[in-house]
Amino acid sequence: MAPFQFKIVIIGPSGVGKTTFSRYLLQGIKISRHVHTLGVEAHPIRVLTTRGEVILNLWDTAGHPLLSGLKEGYYVRSEGAIAMCDLSNQGSIDLLSSFVVDLPHVPLAIVGTHNDNLGYLGTPKIEWDRPSESFRINTLSDDSWKPILWLIRTLTNDPHLSFVPKVEKIPPTIDGPSPHIQAILDKLDEAVAIAIAT
């Protein structure tokens, strides 16, 4: 069976953690300094679920208006969206609805990022006529997978879908070469010894 494949756009103001979020999902890495996204970065992420493999093509879009490039063009054929804001920054919360305006009518995960050391200023309020769900996450924790799971469940119309952990294949252990291989290696050693002696 071919894997499910969905295009998901990640939108929101600059500096809210969109790139940190996508890089964490993709590679499990932490970005230590803020780097502005120029236009868009697209990353495929493969996840195993109880319904099989799912490929999410995450489009991490620029939040700064001067760097957003083809903004609405990035939304073409998107099947879901993640709208992100920083819950410790009121300006970020207020700006979020302006990013949602141009989205096609797709399922929307509204994600408020936070730093546990800062207070929360509020929760974004967005009028949306399609399925939506709000999440409060730390972008560098397993919380980041919650909006992804919700989007996959919504897009596959399977509320019971869950992730399946990847099973690492352990290479077989070999105590030593088989007797047949050992005999060949012994003959090879003898031939090398003879060649060196002559």
Protein backbone atom coordinates (compact mmCIF):
# COMPACT_ATOMS: atom_id res chain seq x y z
CA MET A 1 0.00 0.00 0.00
CA ALA A 2 1.35 3.43 -0.94
CA PRO A 3 1.98 5.73 2.02
CA PHE A 4 -0.32 8.61 2.83
CA GLN A 5 1.27 11.89 1.77
CA PHE A 6 0.20 15.35 2.91
CA LYS A 7 1.46 18.89 2.41
CA ILE A 8 1.42 20.86 5.67
CA VAL A 9 2.32 24.57 5.80
CA ILE A 10 3.77 26.06 8.98
CA ILE A 11 2.88 29.74 9.33
CA GLY A 12 3.16 32.49 11.90
CA PRO A 13 5.14 35.58 12.88
CA SER A 14 8.93 35.65 12.83
CA GLY A 15 10.77 34.25 15.84
CA VAL A 16 8.03 31.99 17.24
CA GLY A 17 9.89 28.71 16.70
CA LYS A 18 8.60 27.45 13.33
CA THR A 19 12.05 26.39 12.11
CA THR A 20 13.02 25.00 15.53
CA PHE A 21 9.78 23.00 15.48
CA SER A 22 10.31 21.57 11.99
CA ARG A 23 14.01 20.80 12.58
CA TYR A 24 13.19 19.06 15.85
CA LEU A 25 10.61 16.89 14.09
CA LEU A 26 12.97 16.19 11.20
CA GLN A 27 16.25 15.60 12.99
CA GLY A 28 15.67 15.88 16.72
CA ILE A 29 18.09 18.83 16.87
CA LYS A 30 17.93 22.10 18.76
CA ILE A 31 18.66 25.35 16.96
CA SER A 32 20.66 27.50 19.38
CA ARG A 33 20.23 30.83 17.59
CA HIS A 34 17.45 32.42 15.60
CA VAL A 35 17.95 32.29 11.85
CA HIS A 36 15.35 33.94 9.59
CA THR A 37 13.80 31.64 7.01
CA LEU A 38 14.06 33.12 3.54
CA GLY A 39 10.83 32.36 1.69
CA VAL A 40 10.18 28.73 2.54
CA GLU A 41 12.01 25.53 3.48
CA ALA A 42 10.32 22.25 2.60
CA HIS A 43 11.15 19.06 4.47
CA PRO A 44 9.61 15.60 4.08
CA ILE A 45 9.10 13.77 7.37
CA ARG A 46 8.27 10.08 7.38
CA VAL A 47 6.37 8.63 10.32
CA LEU A 48 5.08 5.14 10.98
CA THR A 49 1.49 4.86 12.14
CA THR A 50 -1.03 2.15 12.79
CA ARG A 51 -2.33 2.92 9.27
CA GLY A 52 1.10 2.54 7.67
CA GLU A 53 3.72 5.07 6.65
CA VAL A 54 2.76 8.74 6.41
CA ILE A 55 4.88 11.31 4.59
CA LEU A 56 4.37 14.89 5.71
CA ASN A 57 5.82 17.51 3.44
CA LEU A 58 6.33 20.35 5.94
CA TRP A 59 6.63 23.80 4.39
CA ASP A 60 8.29 26.07 6.96
CA THR A 61 7.38 29.58 5.76
CA ALA A 62 9.07 32.87 6.60
CA GLY A 63 7.34 34.94 9.26
CA HIS A 64 8.88 38.29 8.42
CA PRO A 65 6.86 40.10 5.71
CA LEU A 66 9.99 41.16 3.79
CA LEU A 67 11.21 37.54 3.64
CA SER A 68 7.92 35.80 2.93
CA GLY A 69 8.37 35.68 -0.84
CA LEU A 70 5.43 34.01 -2.57
CA LYS A 71 3.48 33.58 0.68
CA GLU A 72 0.09 32.60 -0.83
CA GLY A 73 1.85 30.49 -3.46
CA TYR A 74 3.30 28.30 -0.71
CA TYR A 75 -0.24 27.45 0.42
CA VAL A 76 -1.28 25.95 -2.95
CA ARG A 77 -2.33 22.30 -2.59
CA SER A 78 -1.73 22.35 1.16
CA GLU A 79 -3.88 19.84 2.99
CA GLY A 80 -3.26 21.06 6.52
CA ALA A 81 -1.64 23.93 8.38
CA ILE A 82 0.13 24.66 11.63
CA ALA A 83 -0.26 28.29 12.78
CA MET A 84 2.34 29.14 15.43
CA CYS A 85 2.73 31.99 17.89
CA ASP A 86 4.81 32.71 21.01
CA LEU A 87 2.56 32.65 24.09
CA SER A 88 4.91 34.97 25.97
CA ASN A 89 4.67 37.69 23.28
CA GLN A 90 1.33 39.51 22.90
CA GLY A 91 2.33 40.93 19.50
CA SER A 92 2.91 37.40 18.23
CA ILE A 93 -0.49 36.27 19.51
CA ASP A 94 -2.22 39.27 17.93
CA LEU A 95 -0.49 38.80 14.55
CA LEU A 96 -1.41 35.13 14.16
CA SER A 97 -4.87 35.71 12.68
CA SER A 98 -3.33 37.80 9.87
CA PHE A 99 -1.35 34.74 8.73
CA VAL A 100 -4.43 32.51 8.65
CA VAL A 101 -6.44 34.86 6.38
CA ASP A 102 -4.83 33.63 3.14
CA LEU A 103 -4.90 29.92 3.97
CA PRO A 104 -7.13 27.57 2.00
CA HIS A 105 -9.83 25.90 4.08
CA VAL A 106 -7.78 23.05 5.56
CA PRO A 107 -7.51 21.50 9.03
CA LEU A 108 -5.60 23.91 11.27
CA ALA A 109 -3.44 23.14 14.30
CA ILE A 110 -3.02 26.33 16.32
CA VAL A 111 0.24 25.99 18.23
CA GLY A 112 1.34 28.29 21.02
CA THR A 113 5.01 27.86 21.85
CA HIS A 114 6.32 28.64 25.29
CA ASN A 115 9.35 28.92 27.44
CA ASP A 116 8.70 27.48 30.89
CA ASN A 117 10.56 30.44 32.46
CA LEU A 118 8.19 33.06 31.01
CA GLY A 119 4.53 33.73 31.74
CA TYR A 120 1.68 33.15 29.34
CA LEU A 121 -0.04 36.22 27.98
CA GLY A 122 -3.02 34.52 26.45
CA THR A 123 -4.26 32.06 23.89
CA PRO A 124 -4.78 32.97 20.24
CA LYS A 125 -8.40 33.23 19.14
CA ILE A 126 -8.93 32.36 15.49
CA GLU A 127 -12.22 32.07 13.66
CA TRP A 128 -11.99 28.96 11.47
CA ASP A 129 -14.74 27.06 9.69
CA ARG A 130 -12.76 23.82 9.29
CA PRO A 131 -11.44 21.36 11.87
CA SER A 132 -9.02 23.06 14.24
CA GLU A 133 -7.35 22.28 17.53
CA SER A 134 -5.14 24.32 19.85
CA PHE A 135 -1.88 23.11 21.40
CA ARG A 136 0.57 24.62 23.86
CA ILE A 137 4.02 23.11 23.37
CA ASN A 138 7.69 23.44 24.09
CA THR A 139 9.21 23.13 20.58
CA LEU A 140 12.12 21.04 21.84
CA SER A 141 10.14 18.26 23.44
CA ASP A 142 7.93 15.39 22.44
CA ASP A 143 5.00 17.83 22.79
CA SER A 144 5.92 18.84 19.23
CA TRP A 145 4.39 15.61 17.94
CA LYS A 146 0.92 16.33 19.38
CA PRO A 147 -0.23 18.71 16.60
CA ILE A 148 1.29 16.39 14.00
CA LEU A 149 -0.66 13.41 15.35
CA TRP A 150 -3.88 15.46 15.41
CA LEU A 151 -3.37 16.57 11.78
CA ILE A 152 -2.67 13.02 10.60
CA ARG A 153 -5.75 11.71 12.44
CA THR A 154 -7.87 14.46 10.92
CA LEU A 155 -6.51 14.05 7.38
CA THR A 156 -6.91 10.24 7.42
CA ASN A 157 -10.28 10.49 9.18
CA ASP A 158 -9.02 8.02 11.77
CA PRO A 159 -9.37 9.31 15.36
CA HIS A 160 -7.70 6.15 16.74
CA LEU A 161 -4.55 6.33 14.60
CA SER A 162 -1.33 6.33 16.63
CA PHE A 163 2.37 6.39 16.00
CA VAL A 164 4.31 3.14 15.81
CA PRO A 165 7.84 3.33 17.22
CA LYS A 166 10.61 2.58 14.78
CA VAL A 167 12.31 -0.69 15.52
CA GLU A 168 16.03 -0.48 15.05
CA LYS A 169 17.42 -3.57 13.38
CA ILE A 170 20.28 -4.96 15.40
CA PRO A 171 22.97 -6.52 13.24
CA PRO A 172 23.59 -10.17 14.00
CA THR A 173 26.52 -10.89 16.25
CA ILE A 174 29.18 -13.18 14.89
CA ASP A 175 31.46 -14.99 17.31
CA GLY A 176 33.97 -15.66 14.57
CA PRO A 177 34.15 -16.98 11.05
CA SER A 178 32.61 -20.32 10.25
CA PRO A 179 35.04 -23.27 9.97
CA HIS A 180 34.81 -23.13 6.17
CA ILE A 181 35.66 -19.39 6.08
CA GLN A 182 38.40 -19.90 8.69
CA ALA A 183 40.04 -22.56 6.47
CA ILE A 184 40.05 -20.13 3.53
CA LEU A 185 41.53 -17.37 5.70
CA ASP A 186 44.25 -19.74 6.95
CA LYS A 187 45.20 -20.65 3.35
CA LEU A 188 45.25 -16.96 2.43
CA ASP A 189 47.58 -16.24 5.38
CA GLU A 190 49.88 -19.07 4.24
CA ALA A 191 49.95 -17.71 0.66
CA VAL A 192 50.79 -14.21 1.91
CA ALA A 193 53.55 -15.60 4.15
CA ILE A 194 55.05 -17.51 1.20
CA ALA A 195 54.84 -14.47 -1.08
CA ILE A 196 56.56 -12.29 1.52
CA ALA A 197 59.33 -14.88 2.11
CA THR A 198 60.23 -15.11 -1.57
